[in-house]
Protein backbone atom coordinates (compact mmCIF):
# COMPACT_ATOMS: atom_id res chain seq x y z
CA MET A 1 -35.49 17.37 -7.92
CA MET A 2 -33.29 14.02 -8.17
CA ARG A 3 -32.87 12.60 -11.52
CA GLU A 4 -32.64 9.24 -11.71
CA ASP A 5 -28.89 9.21 -11.71
CA GLY A 6 -28.85 11.30 -8.67
CA THR A 7 -27.82 14.30 -10.15
CA MET A 8 -30.28 17.63 -9.10
CA ASP A 9 -32.44 18.78 -11.90
CA VAL A 10 -32.04 22.44 -11.92
CA ASP A 11 -34.28 23.35 -14.36
CA ARG A 12 -37.05 21.89 -12.67
CA LEU A 13 -36.10 23.76 -9.04
CA ARG A 14 -36.03 26.91 -10.93
CA GLU A 15 -39.68 26.42 -11.83
CA ASN A 16 -40.95 25.18 -8.81
CA LEU A 17 -39.34 28.28 -7.23
CA SER A 18 -40.70 30.76 -9.17
CA GLU A 19 -44.57 29.19 -8.18
CA PRO A 20 -46.00 30.20 -5.37
CA MET A 21 -45.95 28.03 -2.41
CA THR A 22 -48.86 25.91 -2.17
CA SER A 23 -47.87 23.05 0.67
CA LEU A 24 -48.32 26.23 3.22
CA PRO A 25 -50.87 27.54 4.60
CA PRO A 26 -52.72 30.49 3.48
CA THR A 27 -50.56 33.39 3.83
CA ARG A 28 -51.51 37.11 5.21
CA ARG A 29 -49.54 38.90 2.61
CA THR A 30 -49.04 38.36 -1.10
CA PRO A 31 -45.75 36.79 -1.96
CA ASP A 32 -43.14 39.01 -2.86
CA HIS A 33 -42.41 38.97 -6.83
CA SER A 34 -40.02 41.58 -6.76
CA PRO A 35 -36.60 41.35 -8.80
CA ALA A 36 -34.50 41.26 -5.68
CA ARG A 37 -36.67 37.86 -4.39
CA ARG A 38 -36.36 36.58 -7.80
CA LEU A 39 -32.54 37.33 -7.59
CA ARG A 40 -32.61 35.61 -4.39
CA ARG A 41 -34.18 32.50 -5.60
CA LEU A 42 -31.97 32.34 -8.31
CA ALA A 43 -28.68 32.84 -5.78
CA ILE A 44 -30.64 29.30 -4.08
CA ALA A 45 -30.71 27.68 -7.53
CA LEU A 46 -27.13 28.57 -8.29
CA SER A 47 -25.63 27.04 -4.69
CA LEU A 48 -27.47 23.79 -5.51
CA ALA A 49 -25.91 23.69 -8.85
CA VAL A 50 -23.05 24.39 -6.07
CA CYS A 51 -23.71 20.90 -4.37
CA PHE A 52 -24.72 18.94 -7.30
CA PRO A 53 -23.10 19.65 -10.79
CA LEU A 54 -25.66 19.30 -13.57
CA ALA A 55 -24.04 15.99 -15.16
CA HIS A 56 -20.88 14.29 -14.04
CA SER A 57 -18.49 13.14 -16.25
CA ALA A 58 -17.81 9.48 -17.20
CA GLN A 59 -15.62 8.12 -14.28
CA ALA A 60 -13.67 4.44 -14.75
CA GLN A 61 -14.96 2.56 -11.95
CA LEU A 62 -11.61 0.84 -10.38
CA SER A 63 -11.81 -2.25 -8.12
CA LEU A 64 -10.10 -2.72 -5.19
CA THR A 65 -8.33 -6.02 -6.88
CA THR A 66 -7.34 -4.27 -10.26
CA ALA A 67 -5.62 -1.34 -7.86
CA VAL A 68 -3.85 -3.74 -5.83
CA ASP A 69 -2.52 -5.36 -9.23
CA LEU A 70 -1.61 -1.90 -10.84
CA ALA A 71 -0.21 -0.66 -7.59
CA LEU A 72 2.05 -4.02 -7.13
CA GLY A 73 3.70 -4.07 -10.65
CA SER A 74 4.79 -0.74 -10.57
CA ASN A 75 5.44 1.05 -7.13
CA PRO A 76 9.03 1.32 -6.37
CA ARG A 77 9.51 0.34 -3.24
CA VAL A 78 8.37 -3.35 -4.79
CA GLN A 79 10.82 -3.51 -7.62
CA GLY A 80 13.50 -2.22 -4.75
CA ALA A 81 12.69 -5.14 -2.72
CA LYS A 82 12.65 -7.58 -5.99
CA ALA A 83 16.11 -6.03 -6.75
CA ASP A 84 17.30 -6.74 -3.67
CA VAL A 85 15.66 -10.62 -3.79
CA ALA A 86 18.13 -10.38 -7.13
CA LYS A 87 21.13 -9.73 -5.25
CA ALA A 88 20.98 -12.26 -1.96
CA ARG A 89 20.31 -14.91 -5.13
CA ALA A 90 23.22 -13.63 -6.57
CA GLN A 91 25.47 -13.66 -3.21
CA PHE A 92 23.89 -17.24 -2.42
CA SER A 93 25.54 -18.44 -6.02
CA GLU A 94 29.04 -16.57 -5.09
CA ALA A 95 28.73 -18.58 -1.69
CA ARG A 96 27.76 -21.94 -3.64
CA ASP A 97 30.11 -21.52 -6.32
CA ALA A 98 33.85 -21.63 -4.66
CA TYR A 99 33.83 -24.93 -5.25
CA ILE A 100 33.31 -24.42 -9.12
CA PRO A 101 37.18 -24.11 -10.55
CA SER A 102 37.76 -20.54 -12.25
CA ILE A 103 39.51 -20.32 -15.65
CA ASN A 104 41.33 -17.65 -16.52
CA ALA A 105 43.51 -17.02 -20.20
CA GLY A 106 46.23 -14.14 -20.70
CA MET A 107 48.71 -13.12 -23.21
CA ASN A 108 51.78 -11.83 -22.80
CA LEU A 109 52.93 -9.83 -26.26
CA GLY A 110 56.56 -8.95 -26.32
CA ASP A 111 60.39 -10.28 -26.63
CA SER A 112 63.48 -10.85 -23.77
CA TRP A 113 67.35 -11.12 -24.27
CA GLY A 114 69.96 -12.90 -22.44
CA TYR A 115 69.44 -15.79 -19.70
CA SER A 116 66.06 -16.56 -18.11
CA THR A 117 64.85 -19.30 -16.28
CA ASN A 118 61.30 -18.46 -16.90
CA PRO A 119 61.19 -17.01 -20.44
CA PRO A 120 58.33 -14.67 -21.58
CA THR A 121 55.14 -16.76 -22.27
CA LEU A 122 52.87 -16.21 -25.48
CA PHE A 123 49.94 -17.23 -23.39
CA THR A 124 48.79 -18.54 -19.89
CA VAL A 125 45.87 -20.63 -18.49
CA THR A 126 45.14 -21.06 -14.92
CA GLY A 127 42.64 -22.72 -12.75
CA GLY A 128 41.41 -23.07 -9.36
CA SER A 129 38.72 -23.60 -7.12
CA LEU A 130 38.15 -24.12 -2.95
CA VAL A 131 38.07 -27.81 -2.27
CA PHE A 132 37.54 -27.58 1.09
CA SER A 133 36.90 -25.38 4.12
CA ALA A 134 35.38 -25.43 7.52
CA SER A 135 33.99 -21.96 7.34
CA GLN A 136 32.54 -21.95 3.97
CA PHE A 137 29.19 -24.46 4.77
CA TYR A 138 28.13 -22.10 7.31
CA TYR A 139 28.45 -18.91 4.62
CA ILE A 140 26.69 -20.73 2.27
CA ARG A 141 23.99 -21.36 4.96
CA ALA A 142 23.90 -17.97 5.60
CA ALA A 143 23.78 -16.85 2.15
CA GLN A 144 20.68 -18.94 1.81
CA ALA A 145 19.20 -17.60 5.11
CA GLY A 146 20.04 -13.73 3.39
CA LEU A 147 17.71 -15.03 0.55
CA ASP A 148 15.30 -16.24 2.58
CA ALA A 149 14.93 -12.83 4.22
CA ALA A 150 15.28 -11.36 1.18
CA GLN A 151 12.48 -13.08 -0.46
CA LEU A 152 10.12 -12.46 3.16
CA ALA A 153 10.97 -8.52 2.79
CA LEU A 154 9.90 -8.80 -0.32
CA ASP A 155 6.14 -10.29 0.66
CA ASP A 156 6.20 -7.57 3.47
CA MET A 157 6.94 -5.16 0.86
CA ARG A 158 4.00 -6.22 -1.28
CA GLU A 159 1.67 -6.09 1.61
CA ALA A 160 2.63 -2.84 2.85
CA VAL A 161 1.70 -1.45 -1.02
CA ALA A 162 -0.90 -3.43 -0.79
CA GLU A 163 -2.43 -2.05 2.61
CA ASP A 164 -1.45 1.86 1.19
CA THR A 165 -3.10 0.89 -1.74
CA GLY A 166 -6.39 -0.33 0.25
CA LEU A 167 -6.28 2.21 2.38
CA ALA A 168 -6.60 4.73 -0.11
CA VAL A 169 -9.22 2.92 -2.30
CA VAL A 170 -11.47 2.97 1.07
CA ALA A 171 -10.39 6.50 1.52
CA LEU A 172 -11.85 7.31 -1.91
CA ASP A 173 -14.87 5.14 -1.67
CA HIS A 174 -15.48 7.05 1.65
CA ASP A 175 -14.81 10.75 0.76
CA GLN A 176 -17.32 9.64 -2.38
CA GLN A 177 -19.99 8.86 -0.87
CA ARG A 178 -19.53 11.37 1.77
CA GLU A 179 -19.87 14.28 -0.96
CA GLN A 180 -22.39 12.74 -1.77
CA VAL A 181 -24.48 12.88 1.58
CA VAL A 182 -23.50 16.06 2.64
CA GLY A 183 -24.86 17.34 -1.11
CA GLN A 184 -28.04 16.15 -0.33
CA GLN A 185 -27.77 18.00 2.75
CA CYS A 186 -26.74 20.87 0.80
CA ASN A 187 -30.15 20.35 -1.01
CA PHE A 188 -32.32 20.32 1.59
CA ALA A 189 -30.60 23.17 3.61
CA SER A 190 -31.28 25.13 0.29
CA MET A 191 -34.87 24.09 -0.02
CA LEU A 192 -35.17 25.06 3.83
CA VAL A 193 -34.11 28.98 3.11
CA SER A 194 -36.46 28.90 0.28
CA ILE A 195 -39.19 27.96 2.87
CA VAL A 196 -37.63 29.90 5.43
CA GLU A 197 -37.86 33.09 3.19
CA SER A 198 -41.86 32.31 2.44
CA ARG A 199 -42.84 31.24 6.34
CA VAL A 200 -40.97 34.94 6.95
CA ASP A 201 -42.83 36.96 3.98
CA ALA A 202 -46.16 35.39 5.96
CA GLY A 203 -45.11 36.18 9.07
CA GLN A 204 -44.84 32.67 10.26
CA ASP A 205 -41.03 32.96 10.91
CA SER A 206 -38.83 35.61 12.38
CA ALA A 207 -35.88 37.18 10.76
CA ILE A 208 -33.62 34.98 13.23
CA ASP A 209 -35.41 31.69 11.60
CA LEU A 210 -34.16 32.99 8.30
CA THR A 211 -30.41 33.98 9.26
CA GLN A 212 -30.38 30.30 11.22
CA ALA A 213 -31.52 28.34 7.53
CA LYS A 214 -29.19 30.83 6.22
CA LEU A 215 -26.22 29.79 7.99
CA THR A 216 -27.31 25.88 8.25
CA ALA A 217 -27.37 26.40 4.10
CA ALA A 218 -23.58 28.28 4.06
CA GLN A 219 -22.05 25.84 6.93
CA LEU A 220 -23.35 22.45 4.25
CA ARG A 221 -21.99 24.63 1.10
CA LEU A 222 -18.87 24.84 2.58
CA ALA A 223 -18.97 21.32 4.05
CA SER A 224 -20.05 20.20 0.38
CA LEU A 225 -16.68 21.90 -0.85
CA ARG A 226 -14.46 20.76 2.07
CA ALA A 227 -15.58 16.56 0.85
CA ALA A 228 -14.90 17.75 -2.46
CA ASP A 229 -11.58 18.68 -1.93
CA GLU A 230 -10.92 15.57 0.25
CA THR A 231 -11.93 13.67 -2.51
CA ALA A 232 -10.04 15.01 -5.23
CA LEU A 233 -6.87 14.80 -2.74
CA ASP A 234 -7.17 11.16 -1.97
CA ARG A 235 -7.79 10.44 -6.07
CA GLU A 236 -4.56 11.97 -6.98
CA ARG A 237 -3.03 9.93 -3.78
CA LEU A 238 -4.39 6.53 -5.51
CA ALA A 239 -3.44 7.82 -8.99
CA ARG A 240 -0.13 8.25 -7.67
CA LEU A 241 0.22 4.57 -6.53
CA ILE A 242 -1.12 2.98 -9.01
CA GLY A 243 0.53 4.95 -11.92
CA LEU A 244 -2.76 5.80 -13.78
CA PRO A 245 -3.74 9.72 -14.52
CA PRO A 246 -5.92 10.97 -11.86
CA THR A 247 -8.37 12.53 -14.19
CA ALA A 248 -12.34 10.49 -14.26
CA LEU A 249 -10.76 8.11 -11.42
CA SER A 250 -13.38 6.54 -9.21
CA VAL A 251 -13.96 3.16 -7.47
CA ASP A 252 -16.66 0.96 -6.94
CA SER A 253 -17.47 -0.36 -3.04
CA ASN A 254 -17.28 -3.92 -4.13
CA PHE A 255 -15.71 -4.52 -0.65
CA PRO A 256 -15.48 -8.25 0.58
CA ALA A 257 -17.08 -8.73 4.22
CA SER A 258 -15.56 -10.60 6.77
CA PRO A 259 -13.02 -12.90 4.76
CA ILE A 260 -11.00 -14.12 7.72
CA SER A 261 -11.88 -14.62 11.37
CA PHE A 262 -10.02 -12.01 13.74
CA ASP A 263 -10.09 -14.44 16.49
CA ALA A 264 -6.49 -14.53 18.47
CA THR A 265 -6.89 -18.19 18.41
CA VAL A 266 -6.64 -18.55 14.90
CA ASP A 267 -3.22 -19.19 13.43
CA THR A 268 -2.09 -17.01 10.95
CA THR A 269 1.63 -16.85 11.17
CA VAL A 270 3.96 -17.09 9.07
CA HIS A 271 6.60 -19.69 9.29
CA GLY A 272 5.71 -19.11 12.72
CA TYR A 273 5.93 -15.86 13.46
CA ALA A 274 3.51 -13.02 14.01
CA ASN A 275 3.94 -11.97 9.77
CA SER A 276 6.70 -11.42 6.59
CA ALA A 277 8.18 -8.78 8.38
CA VAL A 278 9.12 -10.40 12.04
CA ALA A 279 10.08 -13.90 9.86
CA ALA A 280 12.25 -12.20 7.43
CA ALA A 281 13.75 -10.50 10.49
CA PHE A 282 14.33 -13.70 12.13
CA ASP A 283 16.07 -15.24 8.50
CA ASN A 284 18.31 -11.99 8.71
CA ALA A 285 19.41 -13.35 12.50
CA LYS A 286 19.99 -16.58 11.34
CA ALA A 287 22.01 -15.26 8.71
CA LYS A 288 24.61 -13.30 10.72
CA GLN A 289 24.46 -16.76 13.00
CA GLN A 290 25.68 -18.63 10.27
CA GLN A 291 27.79 -15.98 8.87
CA ALA A 292 29.49 -15.67 12.51
CA TRP A 293 29.79 -19.40 13.16
CA GLY A 294 32.09 -19.17 9.75
CA ASP A 295 34.30 -16.74 10.81
CA ALA A 296 34.57 -18.67 14.35
CA ARG A 297 35.81 -21.96 12.68
CA PHE A 298 38.96 -20.94 10.79
CA ARG A 299 41.75 -22.07 13.30
CA PHE A 300 43.17 -25.41 13.15
CA ARG A 301 40.88 -26.00 10.15
CA PRO A 302 42.41 -26.94 6.69
CA GLN A 303 41.65 -25.36 3.76
CA VAL A 304 42.18 -26.75 0.64
CA ASN A 305 42.36 -25.11 -3.00
CA PHE A 306 42.82 -27.02 -6.18
CA PHE A 307 45.29 -24.89 -8.95
CA ALA A 308 46.15 -25.76 -12.00
CA GLN A 309 48.09 -23.69 -14.72
CA TYR A 310 49.21 -24.48 -18.44
CA ASN A 311 51.97 -22.05 -19.83
CA TYR A 312 53.46 -21.71 -23.99
CA TYR A 313 56.79 -20.12 -23.62
CA ALA A 314 57.74 -17.71 -26.95
CA THR A 315 60.06 -19.59 -28.89
CA PHE A 316 61.17 -16.66 -30.89
CA SER A 317 62.47 -14.42 -27.80
CA ASP A 318 66.05 -14.35 -26.83
CA SER A 319 65.49 -15.48 -23.55
CA PHE A 320 63.79 -18.79 -25.10
CA ALA A 321 66.91 -19.26 -26.94
CA GLN A 322 69.51 -19.06 -24.35
CA LEU A 323 67.66 -21.44 -22.60
CA GLN A 324 67.24 -24.24 -25.16
CA LYS A 325 71.09 -23.90 -25.75
CA ILE A 326 71.53 -24.77 -21.87
CA TYR A 327 69.03 -27.55 -22.18
CA GLN A 328 70.73 -29.03 -25.33
CA ALA A 329 74.32 -29.22 -23.84
CA ASN A 330 72.73 -30.71 -20.22
CA THR A 331 70.83 -33.78 -21.76
CA GLY A 332 71.86 -34.00 -25.26
CA GLN A 333 68.31 -33.30 -27.33
CA THR A 334 67.59 -30.88 -29.88
CA THR A 335 64.39 -29.94 -28.64
CA LEU A 336 63.14 -27.83 -26.19
CA SER A 337 59.53 -27.96 -25.56
CA ALA A 338 57.54 -25.05 -25.35
CA SER A 339 54.50 -25.98 -22.97
CA GLU A 340 54.26 -26.27 -19.23
CA GLY A 341 51.94 -28.05 -16.90
CA ALA A 342 51.36 -28.09 -13.18
CA PHE A 343 48.27 -28.94 -11.10
CA GLY A 344 47.61 -29.83 -7.72
CA VAL A 345 46.38 -29.19 -4.52
CA GLN A 346 47.21 -26.35 -1.97
CA ILE A 347 46.43 -27.04 1.82
CA ASN A 348 46.89 -24.00 4.13
CA LEU A 349 46.51 -24.70 8.09
CA PRO A 350 45.82 -21.47 10.03
CA ILE A 351 47.36 -21.12 13.37
CA MET A 352 47.64 -18.01 14.96
CA ASP A 353 45.56 -14.82 12.99
CA ARG A 354 44.20 -12.40 15.77
CA THR A 355 42.59 -10.11 13.23
CA ARG A 356 40.32 -13.19 11.83
CA ALA A 357 39.72 -13.86 15.88
CA ALA A 358 38.29 -10.20 16.35
CA LYS A 359 36.47 -10.50 13.48
CA ALA A 360 34.52 -13.74 14.48
CA ARG A 361 33.81 -11.99 18.43
CA GLU A 362 32.45 -8.27 15.80
CA SER A 363 30.12 -11.21 14.02
CA ALA A 364 29.00 -13.05 16.72
CA ALA A 365 28.38 -9.65 18.59
CA ASP A 366 25.95 -8.63 15.37
CA ALA A 367 24.33 -11.62 15.27
CA ALA A 368 23.36 -11.54 18.74
CA HIS A 369 22.05 -8.21 18.29
CA ALA A 370 19.82 -8.96 15.19
CA LEU A 371 18.45 -12.19 17.33
CA HIS A 372 17.29 -9.21 19.93
CA ASP A 373 15.79 -7.34 17.25
CA ALA A 374 13.68 -10.04 15.72
CA GLN A 375 12.45 -10.79 19.09
CA ASN A 376 11.67 -7.52 19.97
CA ALA A 377 9.92 -7.15 16.27
CA GLN A 378 7.59 -10.19 17.37
CA ILE A 379 6.72 -9.44 20.41
CA ALA A 380 5.40 -5.48 19.06
CA ALA A 381 3.81 -7.40 16.33
CA LEU A 382 1.90 -9.71 18.72
CA ASN A 383 1.08 -6.97 20.76
CA GLY A 384 -0.07 -4.74 18.18
CA GLN A 385 -2.46 -7.25 16.43
CA SER A 386 -4.52 -7.83 20.16
CA LEU A 387 -5.07 -4.29 20.49
CA MET A 388 -6.14 -4.25 16.65
CA ARG A 389 -8.45 -6.77 17.29
CA HIS A 390 -9.70 -5.46 20.38
CA THR A 391 -10.03 -2.14 18.08
CA ILE A 392 -11.83 -3.52 16.09
CA SER A 393 -14.67 -5.03 18.45
CA GLU A 394 -15.30 -1.85 19.28
CA LEU A 395 -15.47 -0.47 15.89
CA GLN A 396 -18.28 -2.57 15.41
CA ALA A 397 -20.60 -2.02 18.25
CA GLN A 398 -19.84 1.67 17.13
CA ALA A 399 -20.81 1.26 13.65
CA GLU A 400 -23.99 -0.39 14.99
CA VAL A 401 -25.20 2.09 17.34
CA ALA A 402 -24.61 4.38 14.19
CA THR A 403 -27.05 2.56 11.82
CA LEU A 404 -29.54 1.75 14.44
CA GLU A 405 -29.46 5.68 15.08
CA GLN A 406 -29.91 6.21 11.30
CA GLN A 407 -32.12 3.91 11.01
CA LEU A 408 -34.35 5.73 14.02
CA ALA A 409 -34.10 8.96 12.01
CA GLN A 410 -35.11 7.80 8.93
CA GLN A 411 -38.06 5.83 11.14
CA GLN A 412 -39.38 9.18 12.38
CA LEU A 413 -38.70 11.07 8.79
CA ASP A 414 -41.13 8.81 7.49
CA ILE A 415 -43.36 9.50 10.23
CA LEU A 416 -43.45 13.17 10.06
CA GLN A 417 -43.79 12.76 6.17
CA GLN A 418 -46.87 11.01 6.46
CA GLN A 419 -48.49 13.42 9.42
CA LEU A 420 -47.80 16.03 6.97
CA LYS A 421 -50.14 13.75 4.62
CA SER A 422 -52.82 13.21 6.94
CA GLY A 423 -52.63 15.98 8.65
CA ASN A 424 -51.63 15.03 12.16
CA PRO A 425 -55.26 15.39 13.60
CA GLY A 426 -54.50 15.49 17.66
CA GLY A 427 -51.14 16.43 17.40
CA PRO A 428 -48.84 19.44 16.49
CA GLN A 429 -48.91 20.84 13.00
CA MET A 430 -46.13 19.51 10.64
CA THR A 431 -44.37 21.45 7.83
CA PRO A 432 -42.40 21.39 5.21
CA LYS A 433 -39.89 23.45 7.55
CA ASP A 434 -39.65 20.22 9.86
CA GLU A 435 -39.72 17.95 6.82
CA GLN A 436 -36.44 19.94 5.35
CA ASN A 437 -34.95 19.77 8.96
CA ALA A 438 -35.83 16.05 9.44
CA ARG A 439 -34.18 15.42 5.92
CA ILE A 440 -30.85 17.09 6.96
CA SER A 441 -31.04 15.41 10.30
CA GLU A 442 -31.05 11.95 8.49
CA ARG A 443 -28.05 12.68 6.34
CA GLU A 444 -26.27 13.37 9.18
CA LYS A 445 -27.18 10.13 10.85
CA TYR A 446 -25.95 8.32 7.69
CA LEU A 447 -22.49 10.29 7.80
CA GLY A 448 -22.02 8.60 11.37
CA VAL A 449 -22.91 5.07 8.94
CA VAL A 450 -19.95 6.27 6.26
CA ASP A 451 -17.38 7.18 9.03
CA ALA A 452 -18.17 4.63 11.44
CA GLY A 453 -17.92 1.61 8.54
CA TYR A 454 -14.84 3.74 7.30
CA GLN A 455 -12.72 3.34 10.67
CA LEU A 456 -14.20 -0.11 10.86
CA ARG A 457 -12.49 -0.59 6.86
CA GLN A 458 -9.24 1.02 8.17
CA ALA A 459 -8.92 -1.23 10.87
CA GLU A 460 -9.47 -4.50 9.67
CA ILE A 461 -6.63 -3.46 6.58
CA HIS A 462 -4.21 -3.09 9.82
CA LEU A 463 -5.20 -5.73 10.80
CA LEU A 464 -4.82 -8.02 8.32
CA ARG A 465 -1.98 -6.29 7.42
CA GLN A 466 0.05 -6.95 10.59
CA THR A 467 -1.19 -10.76 9.84
CA GLY A 468 -0.03 -10.89 6.73
CA GLU A 469 -3.54 -12.19 5.26
CA LEU A 470 -3.90 -8.49 3.58
CA LEU A 471 -3.39 -9.55 -0.28
CA PRO A 472 -5.97 -13.10 0.36
CA TRP A 473 -8.49 -10.60 1.60
CA LEU A 474 -8.15 -8.03 -1.16
CA LYS A 475 -7.88 -10.74 -4.05
CA SER A 476 -11.22 -11.82 -2.20
CA ALA A 477 -12.52 -8.32 -3.53
CA ALA A 478 -13.02 -9.92 -6.64
CA ALA A 479 -15.66 -13.06 -5.06
CA ALA A 480 -17.59 -10.18 -3.79
CA SER A 481 -21.40 -10.10 -5.06
CA ALA A 482 -22.92 -6.33 -5.02
CA PRO A 483 -21.35 -2.99 -4.27
CA ALA A 484 -22.76 -1.03 -1.32
CA THR A 485 -24.91 1.63 -2.19
CA LEU A 486 -26.38 4.38 -0.20
CA PRO A 487 -29.93 4.04 1.51
CA PRO A 488 -32.34 5.45 -0.70
CA THR A 489 -32.69 9.25 -0.10
CA PRO A 490 -36.68 11.40 -1.25
CA SER A 491 -35.94 13.32 -3.01
CA PRO A 492 -36.55 17.37 -1.40
CA GLN A 493 -40.21 19.04 -2.08
CA PRO A 494 -40.87 22.40 -2.53
C-alpha cells in the first residue's frame, strides 16, 4: 500500500478494501456488502489519508551547517555581542589615544571698547595631550582586557546561538522521523480494524476485539496529529532562528557521529578555562583589577600634560588699538603683533584626595567580586561537563538497549510473516491480525530508538556547548557521509 516515495496509495487501498478478504479462513457467513459497511470502509480509507497524505509538498532540505550559518549571520544576540566588541575596541582606543595630542580651533566674532590686556581673538588654536600618568598604564591594560573579554563573550554568544539552532534542527529531524513512524503505525492500525471487522463478521472475533482495534486506531490517529503539530511548532521555531519562512522547510539527518572525544582527560579548554564564557569572566575580572590598580596609583605620583596655544587678536577692535598705543609708548615700536603663542608642560602632584581614595577602594572590591564570580563559573562549568559526560554514557547504553529491542521486534515480525506463509505446521495458527499487531509493536520499539537517539544527540550538543567545541562539531556536519534513514518497513497487506 506504500508507494516508493513513502506515501500511502489510497486508491489501491480502497480497491483492496472493496474486495473480500482472501487471506482469512473461510467464513461461515457471506460478507456484508451493505451501504453501511461500505461507508465504514470509506471511513477507514479517509483515516489512512489523515495519517499519510496523498502528496507531500516539496520541502527544502536544510543541512545542519547551513542552518547554523544562517542563524549566526542574522541573530540579534550575535549582532548585539558584535556591538559590545566594537564598544570595547573604542574604549581601548580611547585609553591609548590619551597620549595623542588633541587640537581644537575656534573663532570669536565681535568688537570691544576700552583698555584690555587680552583683546578679543579673531581665532584660537589649542592643543594638548597626556605625557605621563602612572594610572594610565593600568587603564590601557584594563581596556585591553575588556576587549578580550568582549571577544570571548562574542564567541560564547555564537556558541549559544549555534546550540539553540542545533537543538532546533535535531528536534525537527526527530519530529519528522516520529511523524513518519506514527503514520506507519496509524496505517497498520487502520488495516487491523478492517481485518477485525471481517473476523467479527466471520464469528472469529468478538465486539470487544473490534472496539479494542478501533481504540488503538483512534489513539494512533491522535498521536499522528500530535506529531504533526510538534513538527509544525519546531519548524516555526527553526524558521525564526534562521530568518527563513517556515513554509516547506525541512532538515536532513546528516549529522556527524562522534567528532570529539568525551573523555574528561582530553584538554578542550579555552585559554585554560572551561569554555569561552568562563574565559570572558576571568578577562572581565582582570579588566576590573587593572582598573582598580590604576585608581589606587594616583597619590604622590606626578601627572604630566603637554599644552600649546596660538591666538590671533582682532586688530579692528578698540581694545587692541588702546593696547597698541600703550605698547608704542613704552617700547618705541610702531607695530604690535596680533599673533600670540605659548607651549609647555603642566605637572600635577596629587597629595591628598579622599574622594579618589574611596573610589579606589570601591574599584578593588568590585574587582574581587568579579574574580570570585569567575571562579564560581569555572567550578560550575566543570561540574556540568562531568555530569553531562556521565549522562551521555547512560544515554548511549539506553540507545543500545532501544536498538536491540527494535531489532528483536523486527526479527519476531519476520518469523511471524514466515509462519503466515508456511502455515506454521505444528504450532499455533498465525493470522493477519497478529501480523498487524506485530508491525504496530515493532514500530513502537523503533520510536524508542528515535527518542533515545534524540536524547543522546541533545546531550552531546549540551556537552559540546559547555566545552566550547560546538561550532567545530556543527561545521563537521558538511563532511558527514550519508544521512540516517529509517529501517525498511514492510508494506501492510490486507
